[in-house]
C-alpha atoms as a PDB file:
ATOM      1  CA  MET A   1      32.194  10.862 -22.302  1.00  0.00           C
ATOM      2  CA  LYS A   2      34.035   9.050 -19.483  1.00  0.00           C
ATOM      3  CA  HIS A   3      31.734  10.737 -16.971  1.00  0.00           C
ATOM      4  CA  LEU A   4      28.681   9.544 -18.877  1.00  0.00           C
ATOM      5  CA  VAL A   5      30.001   5.967 -18.935  1.00  0.00           C
ATOM      6  CA  PHE A   6      30.707   6.143 -15.191  1.00  0.00           C
ATOM      7  CA  LEU A   7      27.230   7.514 -14.416  1.00  0.00           C
ATOM      8  CA  PHE A   8      25.584   4.890 -16.601  1.00  0.00           C
ATOM      9  CA  GLY A   9      27.542   2.147 -14.829  1.00  0.00           C
ATOM     10  CA  LEU A  10      26.555   3.541 -11.440  1.00  0.00           C
ATOM     11  CA  PHE A  11      22.914   3.741 -12.513  1.00  0.00           C
ATOM     12  CA  PHE A  12      23.061   0.159 -13.813  1.00  0.00           C
ATOM     13  CA  PHE A  13      24.533  -1.044 -10.493  1.00  0.00           C
ATOM     14  CA  PHE A  14      21.727   0.512  -8.443  1.00  0.00           C
ATOM     15  CA  VAL A  15      19.015  -0.705 -10.815  1.00  0.00           C
ATOM     16  CA  THR A  16      20.265  -4.297 -10.833  1.00  0.00           C
ATOM     17  CA  SER A  17      20.826  -4.269  -7.056  1.00  0.00           C
ATOM     18  CA  TYR A  18      17.274  -3.036  -6.535  1.00  0.00           C
ATOM     19  CA  ALA A  19      15.973  -5.642  -8.988  1.00  0.00           C
ATOM     20  CA  ASP A  20      17.727  -8.448  -7.086  1.00  0.00           C
ATOM     21  CA  GLU A  21      16.325  -7.234  -3.762  1.00  0.00           C
ATOM     22  CA  GLY A  22      12.876  -6.940  -5.320  1.00  0.00           C
ATOM     23  CA  GLU A  23      13.100 -10.470  -6.684  1.00  0.00           C
ATOM     24  CA  MET A  24      13.996 -11.847  -3.256  1.00  0.00           C
ATOM     25  CA  SER A  25      11.300  -9.858  -1.444  1.00  0.00           C
ATOM     26  CA  GLU A  26       8.670 -11.387  -3.727  1.00  0.00           C
ATOM     27  CA  LEU A  27       9.418 -14.748  -2.127  1.00  0.00           C
ATOM     28  CA  LEU A  28       8.271 -13.434   1.274  1.00  0.00           C
ATOM     29  CA  PRO A  29       4.615 -13.319   2.370  1.00  0.00           C
ATOM     30  CA  SER A  30       3.322  -9.748   2.567  1.00  0.00           C
ATOM     31  CA  GLU A  31       0.867  -8.280   5.068  1.00  0.00           C
ATOM     32  CA  VAL A  32      -2.087  -9.367   2.905  1.00  0.00           C
ATOM     33  CA  GLU A  33      -1.172 -13.069   2.641  1.00  0.00           C
ATOM     34  CA  PHE A  34      -2.099 -14.258   6.135  1.00  0.00           C
ATOM     35  CA  GLU A  35      -4.491 -12.557   8.520  1.00  0.00           C
ATOM     36  CA  ASN A  36      -2.873 -13.842  11.732  1.00  0.00           C
ATOM     37  CA  TRP A  37       0.832 -13.612  10.733  1.00  0.00           C
ATOM     38  CA  GLN A  38       2.110 -10.181   9.776  1.00  0.00           C
ATOM     39  CA  PRO A  39       5.601  -8.916   8.854  1.00  0.00           C
ATOM     40  CA  SER A  40       7.360  -7.125  11.699  1.00  0.00           C
ATOM     41  CA  GLY A  41       9.525  -4.291  10.390  1.00  0.00           C
ATOM     42  CA  SER A  42      11.424  -4.271   7.104  1.00  0.00           C
ATOM     43  CA  PRO A  43      13.240  -7.272   5.589  1.00  0.00           C
ATOM     44  CA  GLU A  44      16.998  -7.568   6.008  1.00  0.00           C
ATOM     45  CA  ASN A  45      18.828  -8.068   2.729  1.00  0.00           C
ATOM     46  CA  TYR A  46      22.526  -8.904   2.406  1.00  0.00           C
ATOM     47  CA  GLU A  47      24.736  -9.742  -0.554  1.00  0.00           C
ATOM     48  CA  GLY A  48      28.337 -10.903  -0.939  1.00  0.00           C
ATOM     49  CA  ASP A  49      30.582 -10.238   2.055  1.00  0.00           C
ATOM     50  CA  ASP A  50      27.712  -8.665   4.026  1.00  0.00           C
ATOM     51  CA  LEU A  51      26.395 -12.079   5.081  1.00  0.00           C
ATOM     52  CA  PHE A  52      28.571 -11.708   8.191  1.00  0.00           C
ATOM     53  CA  PHE A  53      26.117  -9.075   9.439  1.00  0.00           C
ATOM     54  CA  LEU A  54      23.380 -11.720   9.559  1.00  0.00           C
ATOM     55  CA  ILE A  55      25.255 -14.817  10.757  1.00  0.00           C
ATOM     56  CA  ASN A  56      28.600 -13.662  12.097  1.00  0.00           C
ATOM     57  CA  GLY A  57      30.717 -16.743  12.745  1.00  0.00           C
ATOM     58  CA  GLY A  58      28.702 -19.051  10.502  1.00  0.00           C
ATOM     59  CA  ALA A  59      28.987 -17.364   7.120  1.00  0.00           C
ATOM     60  CA  ASP A  60      32.176 -19.045   5.881  1.00  0.00           C
ATOM     61  CA  ILE A  61      30.539 -22.317   4.904  1.00  0.00           C
ATOM     62  CA  TYR A  62      27.927 -20.451   2.824  1.00  0.00           C
ATOM     63  CA  TYR A  63      30.743 -18.768   0.912  1.00  0.00           C
ATOM     64  CA  GLU A  64      32.424 -22.145   0.431  1.00  0.00           C
ATOM     65  CA  TYR A  65      29.354 -23.468  -1.371  1.00  0.00           C
ATOM     66  CA  GLY A  66      28.631 -20.282  -3.303  1.00  0.00           C
ATOM     67  CA  PHE A  67      26.514 -17.678  -1.504  1.00  0.00           C
ATOM     68  CA  LYS A  68      24.836 -14.940  -3.553  1.00  0.00           C
ATOM     69  CA  GLU A  69      22.198 -13.193  -1.449  1.00  0.00           C
ATOM     70  CA  VAL A  70      19.923 -13.577   1.585  1.00  0.00           C
ATOM     71  CA  ILE A  71      16.712 -11.939   2.741  1.00  0.00           C
ATOM     72  CA  ALA A  72      15.328 -12.300   6.268  1.00  0.00           C
ATOM     73  CA  GLU A  73      12.064 -11.244   7.898  1.00  0.00           C
ATOM     74  CA  HIS A  74      10.186 -11.660  11.191  1.00  0.00           C
ATOM     75  CA  TYR A  75       6.464 -12.401  11.403  1.00  0.00           C
ATOM     76  CA  MET A  76       4.278 -11.843  14.491  1.00  0.00           C
ATOM     77  CA  ASP A  77       0.780 -12.995  15.449  1.00  0.00           C
ATOM     78  CA  ASP A  78      -1.742 -11.445  17.868  1.00  0.00           C
ATOM     79  CA  GLU A  79      -0.239 -13.414  20.780  1.00  0.00           C
ATOM     80  CA  ASN A  80       3.236 -11.971  20.100  1.00  0.00           C
ATOM     81  CA  ASN A  81       4.515 -15.311  18.812  1.00  0.00           C
ATOM     82  CA  SER A  82       7.398 -14.809  16.415  1.00  0.00           C
ATOM     83  CA  ILE A  83       8.541 -16.691  13.313  1.00  0.00           C
ATOM     84  CA  ARG A  84      11.757 -15.857  11.508  1.00  0.00           C
ATOM     85  CA  VAL A  85      12.324 -16.518   7.809  1.00  0.00           C
ATOM     86  CA  GLU A  86      15.690 -16.661   6.057  1.00  0.00           C
ATOM     87  CA  ILE A  87      15.916 -17.276   2.304  1.00  0.00           C
ATOM     88  CA  TYR A  88      19.414 -17.866   0.925  1.00  0.00           C
ATOM     89  CA  LYS A  89      20.032 -17.546  -2.785  1.00  0.00           C
ATOM     90  CA  MET A  90      22.993 -19.744  -3.663  1.00  0.00           C
ATOM     91  CA  LYS A  91      25.199 -20.093  -6.745  1.00  0.00           C
ATOM     92  CA  ASP A  92      23.325 -23.119  -8.107  1.00  0.00           C
ATOM     93  CA  PRO A  93      21.030 -25.953  -6.930  1.00  0.00           C
ATOM     94  CA  GLY A  94      24.045 -28.005  -5.839  1.00  0.00           C
ATOM     95  CA  ALA A  95      25.092 -25.220  -3.475  1.00  0.00           C
ATOM     96  CA  ALA A  96      21.592 -25.010  -1.982  1.00  0.00           C
ATOM     97  CA  TYR A  97      21.467 -28.787  -1.563  1.00  0.00           C
ATOM     98  CA  GLY A  98      24.949 -28.759  -0.026  1.00  0.00           C
ATOM     99  CA  ILE A  99      24.041 -26.205   2.663  1.00  0.00           C
ATOM    100  CA  TYR A 100      20.863 -28.123   3.400  1.00  0.00           C
ATOM    101  CA  SER A 101      22.684 -31.462   3.609  1.00  0.00           C
ATOM    102  CA  VAL A 102      25.349 -30.297   6.088  1.00  0.00           C
ATOM    103  CA  SER A 103      22.722 -28.584   8.267  1.00  0.00           C
ATOM    104  CA  GLU A 104      20.302 -31.491   8.735  1.00  0.00           C
ATOM    105  CA  SER A 105      19.071 -31.910  12.314  1.00  0.00           C
ATOM    106  CA  PRO A 106      19.032 -35.367  13.928  1.00  0.00           C
ATOM    107  CA  ASP A 107      15.820 -34.545  15.831  1.00  0.00           C
ATOM    108  CA  ALA A 108      13.895 -33.391  12.748  1.00  0.00           C
ATOM    109  CA  GLU A 109      11.510 -35.433  10.617  1.00  0.00           C
ATOM    110  CA  ALA A 110      11.129 -35.474   6.846  1.00  0.00           C
ATOM    111  CA  PHE A 111       8.664 -32.850   5.634  1.00  0.00           C
ATOM    112  CA  LYS A 112       7.290 -32.867   2.098  1.00  0.00           C
ATOM    113  CA  ILE A 113       8.192 -29.440   0.771  1.00  0.00           C
ATOM    114  CA  GLY A 114      10.491 -28.049  -1.935  1.00  0.00           C
ATOM    115  CA  TYR A 115      12.891 -30.611  -3.352  1.00  0.00           C
ATOM    116  CA  HIS A 116      13.518 -31.993   0.108  1.00  0.00           C
ATOM    117  CA  GLY A 117      12.708 -30.705   3.575  1.00  0.00           C
ATOM    118  CA  GLU A 118      12.562 -31.422   7.276  1.00  0.00           C
ATOM    119  CA  MET A 119      10.546 -30.192  10.241  1.00  0.00           C
ATOM    120  CA  SER A 120      10.985 -30.083  14.024  1.00  0.00           C
ATOM    121  CA  ASP A 121       9.115 -28.264  16.802  1.00  0.00           C
ATOM    122  CA  TYR A 122      11.210 -25.172  16.155  1.00  0.00           C
ATOM    123  CA  HIS A 123      11.993 -25.065  12.449  1.00  0.00           C
ATOM    124  CA  ILE A 124      11.213 -26.027   8.882  1.00  0.00           C
ATOM    125  CA  ARG A 125      14.170 -26.261   6.503  1.00  0.00           C
ATOM    126  CA  PHE A 126      14.116 -27.072   2.815  1.00  0.00           C
ATOM    127  CA  TRP A 127      15.897 -26.417  -0.460  1.00  0.00           C
ATOM    128  CA  LYS A 128      14.520 -25.867  -3.921  1.00  0.00           C
ATOM    129  CA  ASP A 129      16.346 -24.840  -7.092  1.00  0.00           C
ATOM    130  CA  ASN A 130      19.195 -22.574  -5.919  1.00  0.00           C
ATOM    131  CA  TYR A 131      17.447 -21.492  -2.692  1.00  0.00           C
ATOM    132  CA  TYR A 132      17.934 -22.715   0.862  1.00  0.00           C
ATOM    133  CA  ILE A 133      15.099 -21.727   3.217  1.00  0.00           C
ATOM    134  CA  LEU A 134      14.968 -21.710   7.015  1.00  0.00           C
ATOM    135  CA  VAL A 135      11.706 -20.950   8.844  1.00  0.00           C
ATOM    136  CA  SER A 136      12.242 -20.982  12.603  1.00  0.00           C
ATOM    137  CA  ALA A 137      10.692 -20.033  15.946  1.00  0.00           C
ATOM    138  CA  MET A 138      11.899 -19.632  19.523  1.00  0.00           C
ATOM    139  CA  ASP A 139       8.788 -21.327  20.934  1.00  0.00           C
ATOM    140  CA  SER A 140       6.702 -24.314  19.917  1.00  0.00           C
ATOM    141  CA  GLY A 141       2.976 -24.981  19.776  1.00  0.00           C
ATOM    142  CA  GLU A 142       0.153 -25.766  17.391  1.00  0.00           C
ATOM    143  CA  GLU A 143      -0.372 -22.155  16.263  1.00  0.00           C
ATOM    144  CA  ILE A 144       3.338 -21.612  15.645  1.00  0.00           C
ATOM    145  CA  GLU A 145       3.647 -24.905  13.778  1.00  0.00           C
ATOM    146  CA  ASP A 146       0.663 -23.980  11.618  1.00  0.00           C
ATOM    147  CA  GLY A 147       2.223 -20.567  10.929  1.00  0.00           C
ATOM    148  CA  MET A 148       5.589 -22.064   9.948  1.00  0.00           C
ATOM    149  CA  LYS A 149       3.847 -24.472   7.569  1.00  0.00           C
ATOM    150  CA  LYS A 150       1.823 -21.682   5.933  1.00  0.00           C
ATOM    151  CA  ILE A 151       4.841 -19.425   5.460  1.00  0.00           C
ATOM    152  CA  ALA A 152       7.086 -22.237   4.200  1.00  0.00           C
ATOM    153  CA  SER A 153       4.410 -23.415   1.751  1.00  0.00           C
ATOM    154  CA  PHE A 154       3.977 -19.868   0.431  1.00  0.00           C
ATOM    155  CA  ILE A 155       7.727 -19.569  -0.254  1.00  0.00           C
ATOM    156  CA  ASP A 156       7.785 -23.024  -1.853  1.00  0.00           C
ATOM    157  CA  GLY A 157       5.012 -21.961  -4.242  1.00  0.00           C
ATOM    158  CA  LYS A 158       6.935 -18.824  -5.255  1.00  0.00           C
ATOM    159  CA  ILE A 159       9.951 -20.805  -6.516  1.00  0.00           C
ATOM    160  CA  PRO A 160       8.941 -22.241  -9.910  1.00  0.00           C
ATOM    161  CA  GLN A 161      11.878 -24.580 -10.607  1.00  0.00           C
ATOM    162  CA  LYS A 162      12.592 -27.628  -8.467  1.00  0.00           C
ATOM    163  CA  GLY A 163      16.287 -28.009  -9.334  1.00  0.00           C
ATOM    164  CA  GLU A 164      18.342 -31.193  -9.229  1.00  0.00           C
ATOM    165  CA  LYS A 165      20.827 -32.754  -6.855  1.00  0.00           C
ATOM    166  CA  PRO A 166      24.429 -33.011  -8.137  1.00  0.00           C
ATOM    167  CA  GLU A 167      24.921 -36.114 -10.264  1.00  0.00           C
ATOM    168  CA  ILE A 168      27.619 -37.496  -7.938  1.00  0.00           C
ATOM    169  CA  VAL A 169      24.951 -38.143  -5.271  1.00  0.00           C
ATOM    170  CA  ASN A 170      23.477 -40.922  -7.424  1.00  0.00           C
ATOM    171  CA  HIS A 171      26.606 -43.076  -7.132  1.00  0.00           C
ATOM    172  CA  LEU A 172      26.244 -43.885  -3.433  1.00  0.00           C
ATOM    173  CA  PRO A 173      25.035 -47.465  -2.819  1.00  0.00           C
ATOM    174  CA  GLU A 174      21.457 -47.651  -1.507  1.00  0.00           C
ATOM    175  CA  GLU A 175      21.833 -50.644   0.818  1.00  0.00           C
ATOM    176  CA  ASN A 176      21.871 -49.570   4.512  1.00  0.00           C
ATOM    177  CA  PHE A 177      22.043 -45.924   3.408  1.00  0.00           C
ATOM    178  CA  ILE A 178      21.050 -43.350   6.064  1.00  0.00           C
ATOM    179  CA  SER A 179      21.904 -39.876   4.754  1.00  0.00           C
ATOM    180  CA  ALA A 180      24.286 -37.944   2.517  1.00  0.00           C
ATOM    181  CA  LYS A 181      26.205 -34.691   2.712  1.00  0.00           C
ATOM    182  CA  TYR A 182      27.359 -32.887  -0.424  1.00  0.00           C
ATOM    183  CA  VAL A 183      30.769 -31.241  -0.004  1.00  0.00           C
ATOM    184  CA  ARG A 184      32.582 -28.494  -1.932  1.00  0.00           C
ATOM    185  CA  GLY A 185      35.358 -27.643   0.523  1.00  0.00           C
ATOM    186  CA  ASN A 186      37.009 -28.353   3.831  1.00  0.00           C
ATOM    187  CA  LEU A 187      34.348 -26.774   6.044  1.00  0.00           C
ATOM    188  CA  GLY A 188      31.732 -29.062   4.529  1.00  0.00           C
ATOM    189  CA  MET A 189      34.068 -32.027   4.927  1.00  0.00           C
ATOM    190  CA  ASN A 190      34.606 -31.231   8.603  1.00  0.00           C
ATOM    191  CA  ASN A 191      30.851 -31.555   9.093  1.00  0.00           C
ATOM    192  CA  VAL A 192      31.258 -35.215   8.133  1.00  0.00           C
ATOM    193  CA  TYR A 193      34.775 -36.175   9.222  1.00  0.00           C
ATOM    194  CA  SER A 194      37.590 -33.939  10.423  1.00  0.00           C
ATOM    195  CA  PHE A 195      40.951 -34.670   8.803  1.00  0.00           C
ATOM    196  CA  THR A 196      42.676 -31.331   9.436  1.00  0.00           C
ATOM    197  CA  PHE A 197      41.921 -27.614   9.140  1.00  0.00           C
ATOM    198  CA  GLN A 198      43.630 -27.570   5.747  1.00  0.00           C
ATOM    199  CA  ASP A 199      42.119 -28.979   2.562  1.00  0.00           C
ATOM    200  CA  ILE A 200      44.472 -31.894   1.862  1.00  0.00           C
ATOM    201  CA  PHE A 201      42.410 -33.457  -0.930  1.00  0.00           C
ATOM    202  CA  GLY A 202      41.779 -30.627  -3.417  1.00  0.00           C
ATOM    203  CA  TYR A 203      38.652 -32.184  -4.960  1.00  0.00           C
ATOM    204  CA  ASN A 204      36.150 -30.351  -7.133  1.00  0.00           C
ATOM    205  CA  GLU A 205      33.224 -31.841  -5.239  1.00  0.00           C
ATOM    206  CA  ALA A 206      32.538 -34.793  -2.993  1.00  0.00           C
ATOM    207  CA  ILE A 207      29.641 -36.777  -1.581  1.00  0.00           C
ATOM    208  CA  ALA A 208      29.751 -38.401   1.846  1.00  0.00           C
ATOM    209  CA  GLY A 209      27.310 -41.182   2.650  1.00  0.00           C
ATOM    210  CA  ASP A 210      26.441 -42.195   6.198  1.00  0.00           C
ATOM    211  CA  TYR A 211      25.631 -45.900   6.600  1.00  0.00           C
ATOM    212  CA  SER A 212      24.712 -48.044   9.577  1.00  0.00           C
ATOM    213  CA  HIS A 213      28.282 -49.288  10.192  1.00  0.00           C
ATOM    214  CA  PHE A 214      30.530 -47.027   8.095  1.00  0.00           C
ATOM    215  CA  LYS A 215      30.907 -43.907   5.963  1.00  0.00           C
ATOM    216  CA  LEU A 216      31.601 -43.745   2.220  1.00  0.00           C
ATOM    217  CA  PHE A 217      33.160 -40.850   0.336  1.00  0.00           C
ATOM    218  CA  ILE A 218      33.413 -40.168  -3.390  1.00  0.00           C
ATOM    219  CA  MET A 219      35.732 -37.284  -4.296  1.00  0.00           C
ATOM    220  CA  ALA A 220      35.651 -36.034  -7.892  1.00  0.00           C
ATOM    221  CA  TYR A 221      38.483 -34.465  -9.919  1.00  0.00           C
ATOM    222  CA  ASP A 222      38.946 -33.083 -13.427  1.00  0.00           C
ATOM    223  CA  SER A 223      41.149 -35.978 -14.516  1.00  0.00           C
ATOM    224  CA  LYS A 224      42.716 -39.256 -13.451  1.00  0.00           C
ATOM    225  CA  GLU A 225      46.070 -37.489 -13.166  1.00  0.00           C
ATOM    226  CA  ASN A 226      44.600 -34.955 -10.721  1.00  0.00           C
ATOM    227  CA  SER A 227      42.992 -37.619  -8.556  1.00  0.00           C
ATOM    228  CA  SER A 228      46.221 -39.636  -8.432  1.00  0.00           C
ATOM    229  CA  GLU A 229      48.362 -36.602  -7.624  1.00  0.00           C
ATOM    230  CA  ASN A 230      46.020 -35.403  -4.873  1.00  0.00           C
ATOM    231  CA  LEU A 231      45.734 -38.853  -3.305  1.00  0.00           C
ATOM    232  CA  GLU A 232      49.513 -39.055  -3.046  1.00  0.00           C
ATOM    233  CA  LYS A 233      49.679 -35.585  -1.462  1.00  0.00           C
ATOM    234  CA  ALA A 234      46.887 -36.440   0.975  1.00  0.00           C
ATOM    235  CA  GLY A 235      48.693 -39.587   2.066  1.00  0.00           C
ATOM    236  CA  GLU A 236      51.887 -37.680   2.776  1.00  0.00           C
ATOM    237  CA  SER A 237      49.951 -35.053   4.748  1.00  0.00           C
ATOM    238  CA  MET A 238      48.166 -37.677   6.843  1.00  0.00           C
ATOM    239  CA  LYS A 239      51.470 -39.303   7.793  1.00  0.00           C
ATOM    240  CA  ASP A 240      52.377 -36.076   9.603  1.00  0.00           C
ATOM    241  CA  LEU A 241      49.105 -35.874  11.571  1.00  0.00           C
ATOM    242  CA  ASP A 242      48.941 -37.356  15.079  1.00  0.00           C
ATOM    243  CA  LYS A 243      45.353 -38.454  14.470  1.00  0.00           C
ATOM    244  CA  PHE A 244      46.421 -41.169  11.996  1.00  0.00           C
ATOM    245  CA  SER A 245      48.755 -44.135  12.251  1.00  0.00           C
ATOM    246  CA  GLY A 246      49.446 -47.523  10.663  1.00  0.00           C
ATOM    247  CA  TYR A 247      49.992 -46.333   7.091  1.00  0.00           C
ATOM    248  CA  GLU A 248      49.795 -49.250   4.671  1.00  0.00           C
ATOM    249  CA  PRO A 249      50.073 -48.958   0.867  1.00  0.00           C
ATOM    250  CA  HIS A 250      47.739 -50.907  -1.436  1.00  0.00           C
ATOM    251  CA  GLU A 251      47.487 -51.515  -5.174  1.00  0.00           C
ATOM    252  CA  ARG A 252      45.377 -48.412  -5.867  1.00  0.00           C
ATOM    253  CA  GLY A 253      45.795 -46.474  -2.645  1.00  0.00           C
ATOM    254  CA  PHE A 254      46.569 -46.884   1.030  1.00  0.00           C
ATOM    255  CA  SER A 255      45.000 -47.218   4.465  1.00  0.00           C
ATOM    256  CA  PHE A 256      45.329 -45.642   7.909  1.00  0.00           C
ATOM    257  CA  THR A 257      43.832 -46.136  11.355  1.00  0.00           C
ATOM    258  CA  ASP A 258      42.562 -43.082  13.236  1.00  0.00           C
ATOM    259  CA  ASN A 259      42.780 -42.432  16.974  1.00  0.00           C
ATOM    260  CA  GLU A 260      39.226 -43.743  17.516  1.00  0.00           C
ATOM    261  CA  GLY A 261      39.944 -47.154  16.005  1.00  0.00           C
ATOM    262  CA  ASN A 262      38.377 -46.510  12.595  1.00  0.00           C
ATOM    263  CA  ASN A 263      39.996 -47.884   9.449  1.00  0.00           C
ATOM    264  CA  LEU A 264      40.367 -45.462   6.539  1.00  0.00           C
ATOM    265  CA  PHE A 265      40.764 -47.215   3.182  1.00  0.00           C
ATOM    266  CA  PHE A 266      41.552 -45.018   0.139  1.00  0.00           C
ATOM    267  CA  SER A 267      41.396 -46.181  -3.468  1.00  0.00           C
ATOM    268  CA  LEU A 268      41.738 -44.553  -6.898  1.00  0.00           C
ATOM    269  CA  PHE A 269      39.143 -45.120  -9.595  1.00  0.00           C
ATOM    270  CA  ASN A 270      39.501 -43.090 -12.799  1.00  0.00           C
ATOM    271  CA  ASN A 271      39.123 -39.407 -11.810  1.00  0.00           C
ATOM    272  CA  TYR A 272      37.750 -40.268  -8.362  1.00  0.00           C
ATOM    273  CA  ILE A 273      39.100 -41.040  -4.917  1.00  0.00           C
ATOM    274  CA  LEU A 274      36.994 -43.515  -2.965  1.00  0.00           C
ATOM    275  CA  LEU A 275      37.197 -43.620   0.817  1.00  0.00           C
ATOM    276  CA  PHE A 276      35.754 -46.084   3.320  1.00  0.00           C
ATOM    277  CA  ILE A 277      35.756 -45.213   7.042  1.00  0.00           C
ATOM    278  CA  GLY A 278      34.672 -47.819   9.574  1.00  0.00           C
ATOM    279  CA  GLU A 279      35.828 -50.251  12.221  1.00  0.00           C
ATOM    280  CA  ASP A 280      35.065 -53.327  10.100  1.00  0.00           C
ATOM    281  CA  LEU A 281      36.766 -53.402   6.688  1.00  0.00           C
ATOM    282  CA  THR A 282      34.836 -56.465   5.511  1.00  0.00           C
ATOM    283  CA  TYR A 283      32.181 -54.149   4.034  1.00  0.00           C
ATOM    284  CA  GLN A 284      34.718 -52.190   1.967  1.00  0.00           C
ATOM    285  CA  PRO A 285      35.267 -54.417  -1.131  1.00  0.00           C
ATOM    286  CA  GLU A 286      31.540 -54.793  -1.856  1.00  0.00           C
ATOM    287  CA  MET A 287      30.834 -51.070  -1.365  1.00  0.00           C
ATOM    288  CA  PHE A 288      33.688 -49.993  -3.649  1.00  0.00           C
ATOM    289  CA  GLU A 289      32.580 -52.477  -6.295  1.00  0.00           C
ATOM    290  CA  LEU A 290      29.055 -51.019  -6.242  1.00  0.00           C
ATOM    291  CA  ILE A 291      30.399 -47.477  -6.542  1.00  0.00           C
ATOM    292  CA  GLU A 292      32.759 -48.343  -9.392  1.00  0.00           C
ATOM    293  CA  ASP A 293      29.980 -50.126 -11.308  1.00  0.00           C
ATOM    294  CA  SER A 294      27.829 -47.028 -10.918  1.00  0.00           C
ATOM    295  CA  LEU A 295      30.598 -44.668 -12.063  1.00  0.00           C
ATOM    296  CA  GLU A 296      31.445 -46.619 -15.208  1.00  0.00           C
END
């Protein structure tokens, strides 16, 4: 009986693994979709810890957000131009949005695809539901751009649900807003501002907003007690870091100055830690008031 249970479990594992791979492969254009862009070889498919085989050295941040599976394929045209496609299946839409947000390129332009996307001469990136998609090329040109658009649009059409951004994103003030990065761990945070290699804040999730003269952070916790406890621990940790000086306590938090002349102003609000980083603190009271009104 034990042998039968074991064999059934093994059979179930292979069936579900094959089903997952099949589901992902359906998102890729086949040889019949486009006459001038054809798949080159077989798709690469990786799950769990195997992501390191695809992006060795860059996989950790995907795991931090919640990586599930990836499928990758090359497409070639008659002129030997190449386009590479990578489709990452993440834990949830927030994870897909998070990877997209910390990977935005300053030289790219907004591109209407998926929930949100961008395009440059060499890539199209977008996220939709719990998928993050990268379509890229080594060369540029009208034919390659047209091919990237066709392939990206095909994938977009294969994902039925749009998904939603995490609710915390909505609490950033809109005035002078440039962009946002959604954070679930220290690697994501270091894409915005580097405190230390260790996670000294212990938040559940955070949103970082980039503005014309400053940055705003909202860090979320399970309770007011957790936010208060973690703010105190973070303050003690920052006192021991050479990067920060000028510790000054305030009614609901404290402030530091970093080694580039930026002021860091921390404040507690319910189960959140609010952080302002900028040279000019005159913007801070108004920004925190807007955030607190939104959170109430």
